[in-house]
């Protein structure tokens, strides 16, 4: 085999190998997971009547559970809206949470 023919065969094999490597993700795409960054809080879907344990507050809002501590927090929105709305100015409203209760997750392991 001449040197010229040998070079062409080797270059063709290299080009074919590079093409196979480049097309592999299209033939067999890698897996992706939507839950890669897990959070330690759970937002309960929907709007609920939030009642403070001492009876000082009774508002509509979102319920959030801290999955590490078991604490249940209420974020008042003041309406059926899933987020706080401010009608008194151009700044966005900020909802300050208050503690509603706590789940005792440690007792589940007994």
C-alpha atoms as a PDB file:
ATOM      1  CA  UNK A   1       0.000   0.000   0.000  1.00  0.00           C
ATOM      2  CA  UNK A   2       1.406   3.369  -0.919  1.00  0.00           C
ATOM      3  CA  UNK A   3       1.950   6.138   1.624  1.00  0.00           C
ATOM      4  CA  UNK A   4      -0.699   8.355   0.017  1.00  0.00           C
ATOM      5  CA  UNK A   5      -3.353   5.636   0.138  1.00  0.00           C
ATOM      6  CA  UNK A   6      -2.426   4.760   3.753  1.00  0.00           C
ATOM      7  CA  UNK A   7      -2.762   8.423   4.826  1.00  0.00           C
ATOM      8  CA  UNK A   8      -6.192   8.692   3.210  1.00  0.00           C
ATOM      9  CA  UNK A   9      -7.441   5.549   4.973  1.00  0.00           C
ATOM     10  CA  UNK A  10      -6.133   6.703   8.356  1.00  0.00           C
ATOM     11  CA  UNK A  11      -7.651  10.177   7.927  1.00  0.00           C
ATOM     12  CA  UNK A  12     -10.978   8.627   6.860  1.00  0.00           C
ATOM     13  CA  UNK A  13     -11.014   6.409   9.979  1.00  0.00           C
ATOM     14  CA  UNK A  14     -10.216   9.415  12.179  1.00  0.00           C
ATOM     15  CA  UNK A  15     -12.940  11.517  10.526  1.00  0.00           C
ATOM     16  CA  UNK A  16     -15.473   8.675  10.923  1.00  0.00           C
ATOM     17  CA  UNK A  17     -14.568   8.243  14.584  1.00  0.00           C
ATOM     18  CA  UNK A  18     -14.938  11.967  15.258  1.00  0.00           C
ATOM     19  CA  UNK A  19     -18.301  11.967  13.487  1.00  0.00           C
ATOM     20  CA  UNK A  20     -19.468   9.027  15.615  1.00  0.00           C
ATOM     21  CA  UNK A  21     -18.401  10.838  18.797  1.00  0.00           C
ATOM     22  CA  UNK A  22     -20.145  14.027  17.680  1.00  0.00           C
ATOM     23  CA  UNK A  23     -23.416  12.240  16.791  1.00  0.00           C
ATOM     24  CA  UNK A  24     -23.577  10.037  19.913  1.00  0.00           C
ATOM     25  CA  UNK A  25     -25.553  12.620  22.018  1.00  0.00           C
ATOM     26  CA  UNK A  26     -28.214  12.757  19.294  1.00  0.00           C
ATOM     27  CA  UNK A  27     -28.562   8.976  19.089  1.00  0.00           C
ATOM     28  CA  UNK A  28     -28.477   8.416  22.863  1.00  0.00           C
ATOM     29  CA  UNK A  29     -29.136  11.710  24.717  1.00  0.00           C
ATOM     30  CA  UNK A  30     -27.935  11.958  28.336  1.00  0.00           C
ATOM     31  CA  UNK A  31     -30.517  11.836  31.116  1.00  0.00           C
ATOM     32  CA  UNK A  32     -31.580  15.044  32.798  1.00  0.00           C
ATOM     33  CA  UNK A  33     -33.486  15.368  36.043  1.00  0.00           C
ATOM     34  CA  UNK A  34     -35.803  18.218  36.960  1.00  0.00           C
ATOM     35  CA  UNK A  35     -35.332  17.642  40.693  1.00  0.00           C
ATOM     36  CA  UNK A  36     -31.551  17.940  40.700  1.00  0.00           C
ATOM     37  CA  UNK A  37     -31.584  20.861  43.146  1.00  0.00           C
ATOM     38  CA  UNK A  38     -33.902  19.682  45.892  1.00  0.00           C
ATOM     39  CA  UNK A  39     -35.294  22.187  48.339  1.00  0.00           C
ATOM     40  CA  UNK A  40     -35.933  21.800  52.033  1.00  0.00           C
ATOM     41  CA  UNK A  41     -39.273  23.662  51.884  1.00  0.00           C
ATOM     42  CA  UNK A  42     -42.621  22.518  50.564  1.00  0.00           C
ATOM     43  CA  UNK A  43     -45.204  25.017  49.327  1.00  0.00           C
ATOM     44  CA  UNK A  44     -48.700  23.643  49.750  1.00  0.00           C
ATOM     45  CA  UNK A  45     -50.692  24.292  46.560  1.00  0.00           C
ATOM     46  CA  UNK A  46     -53.659  26.595  46.990  1.00  0.00           C
ATOM     47  CA  UNK A  47     -54.674  29.436  49.276  1.00  0.00           C
ATOM     48  CA  UNK A  48     -55.776  28.739  52.848  1.00  0.00           C
ATOM     49  CA  UNK A  49     -57.194  30.560  55.841  1.00  0.00           C
ATOM     50  CA  UNK A  50     -54.163  31.076  58.084  1.00  0.00           C
ATOM     51  CA  UNK A  51     -54.926  31.282  61.790  1.00  0.00           C
ATOM     52  CA  UNK A  52     -52.170  32.140  64.235  1.00  0.00           C
ATOM     53  CA  UNK A  53     -52.053  29.825  67.277  1.00  0.00           C
ATOM     54  CA  UNK A  54     -52.717  32.740  69.634  1.00  0.00           C
ATOM     55  CA  UNK A  55     -55.680  33.928  67.549  1.00  0.00           C
ATOM     56  CA  UNK A  56     -54.074  37.280  66.729  1.00  0.00           C
ATOM     57  CA  UNK A  57     -54.122  36.759  62.953  1.00  0.00           C
ATOM     58  CA  UNK A  58     -56.689  35.291  60.595  1.00  0.00           C
ATOM     59  CA  UNK A  59     -55.711  35.898  56.962  1.00  0.00           C
ATOM     60  CA  UNK A  60     -55.688  34.176  53.587  1.00  0.00           C
ATOM     61  CA  UNK A  61     -52.314  33.009  52.351  1.00  0.00           C
ATOM     62  CA  UNK A  62     -49.868  30.278  51.401  1.00  0.00           C
ATOM     63  CA  UNK A  63     -48.685  27.466  53.669  1.00  0.00           C
ATOM     64  CA  UNK A  64     -44.993  26.515  53.632  1.00  0.00           C
ATOM     65  CA  UNK A  65     -43.517  23.506  55.458  1.00  0.00           C
ATOM     66  CA  UNK A  66     -39.822  23.404  56.339  1.00  0.00           C
ATOM     67  CA  UNK A  67     -38.994  19.737  55.683  1.00  0.00           C
ATOM     68  CA  UNK A  68     -35.874  19.801  57.848  1.00  0.00           C
ATOM     69  CA  UNK A  69     -37.422  21.182  61.034  1.00  0.00           C
ATOM     70  CA  UNK A  70     -41.123  20.382  60.509  1.00  0.00           C
ATOM     71  CA  UNK A  71     -42.148  23.991  61.135  1.00  0.00           C
ATOM     72  CA  UNK A  72     -45.262  25.178  59.301  1.00  0.00           C
ATOM     73  CA  UNK A  73     -45.249  28.802  58.225  1.00  0.00           C
ATOM     74  CA  UNK A  74     -48.041  30.972  56.907  1.00  0.00           C
ATOM     75  CA  UNK A  75     -47.306  33.659  54.325  1.00  0.00           C
ATOM     76  CA  UNK A  76     -50.343  35.950  54.218  1.00  0.00           C
ATOM     77  CA  UNK A  77     -51.388  37.282  50.823  1.00  0.00           C
ATOM     78  CA  UNK A  78     -54.524  39.040  52.025  1.00  0.00           C
ATOM     79  CA  UNK A  79     -56.578  37.776  49.076  1.00  0.00           C
ATOM     80  CA  UNK A  80     -57.161  34.703  46.938  1.00  0.00           C
ATOM     81  CA  UNK A  81     -54.046  35.650  44.979  1.00  0.00           C
ATOM     82  CA  UNK A  82     -51.092  33.241  45.280  1.00  0.00           C
ATOM     83  CA  UNK A  83     -48.760  36.157  46.000  1.00  0.00           C
ATOM     84  CA  UNK A  84     -49.036  39.351  48.073  1.00  0.00           C
ATOM     85  CA  UNK A  85     -50.471  42.358  46.269  1.00  0.00           C
ATOM     86  CA  UNK A  86     -49.849  45.987  47.197  1.00  0.00           C
ATOM     87  CA  UNK A  87     -52.327  48.624  46.043  1.00  0.00           C
ATOM     88  CA  UNK A  88     -50.605  51.436  47.948  1.00  0.00           C
ATOM     89  CA  UNK A  89     -47.577  52.090  45.774  1.00  0.00           C
ATOM     90  CA  UNK A  90     -45.254  50.943  43.022  1.00  0.00           C
ATOM     91  CA  UNK A  91     -43.124  48.723  45.272  1.00  0.00           C
ATOM     92  CA  UNK A  92     -43.882  45.001  45.390  1.00  0.00           C
ATOM     93  CA  UNK A  93     -45.590  43.751  48.543  1.00  0.00           C
ATOM     94  CA  UNK A  94     -43.607  41.609  50.975  1.00  0.00           C
ATOM     95  CA  UNK A  95     -45.348  38.894  52.950  1.00  0.00           C
ATOM     96  CA  UNK A  96     -43.866  38.265  56.387  1.00  0.00           C
ATOM     97  CA  UNK A  97     -44.412  34.716  57.636  1.00  0.00           C
ATOM     98  CA  UNK A  98     -45.664  33.646  61.007  1.00  0.00           C
ATOM     99  CA  UNK A  99     -45.382  30.254  62.641  1.00  0.00           C
ATOM    100  CA  UNK A 100     -48.560  28.182  62.449  1.00  0.00           C
ATOM    101  CA  UNK A 101     -47.346  24.950  64.032  1.00  0.00           C
ATOM    102  CA  UNK A 102     -44.827  22.154  63.758  1.00  0.00           C
ATOM    103  CA  UNK A 103     -44.723  18.536  62.650  1.00  0.00           C
ATOM    104  CA  UNK A 104     -42.654  16.279  64.907  1.00  0.00           C
ATOM    105  CA  UNK A 105     -40.708  14.379  62.241  1.00  0.00           C
ATOM    106  CA  UNK A 106     -38.401  12.752  64.810  1.00  0.00           C
ATOM    107  CA  UNK A 107     -41.284  10.756  66.339  1.00  0.00           C
ATOM    108  CA  UNK A 108     -41.915   9.073  62.968  1.00  0.00           C
ATOM    109  CA  UNK A 109     -38.587   7.248  63.193  1.00  0.00           C
ATOM    110  CA  UNK A 110     -39.443   5.426  66.414  1.00  0.00           C
END
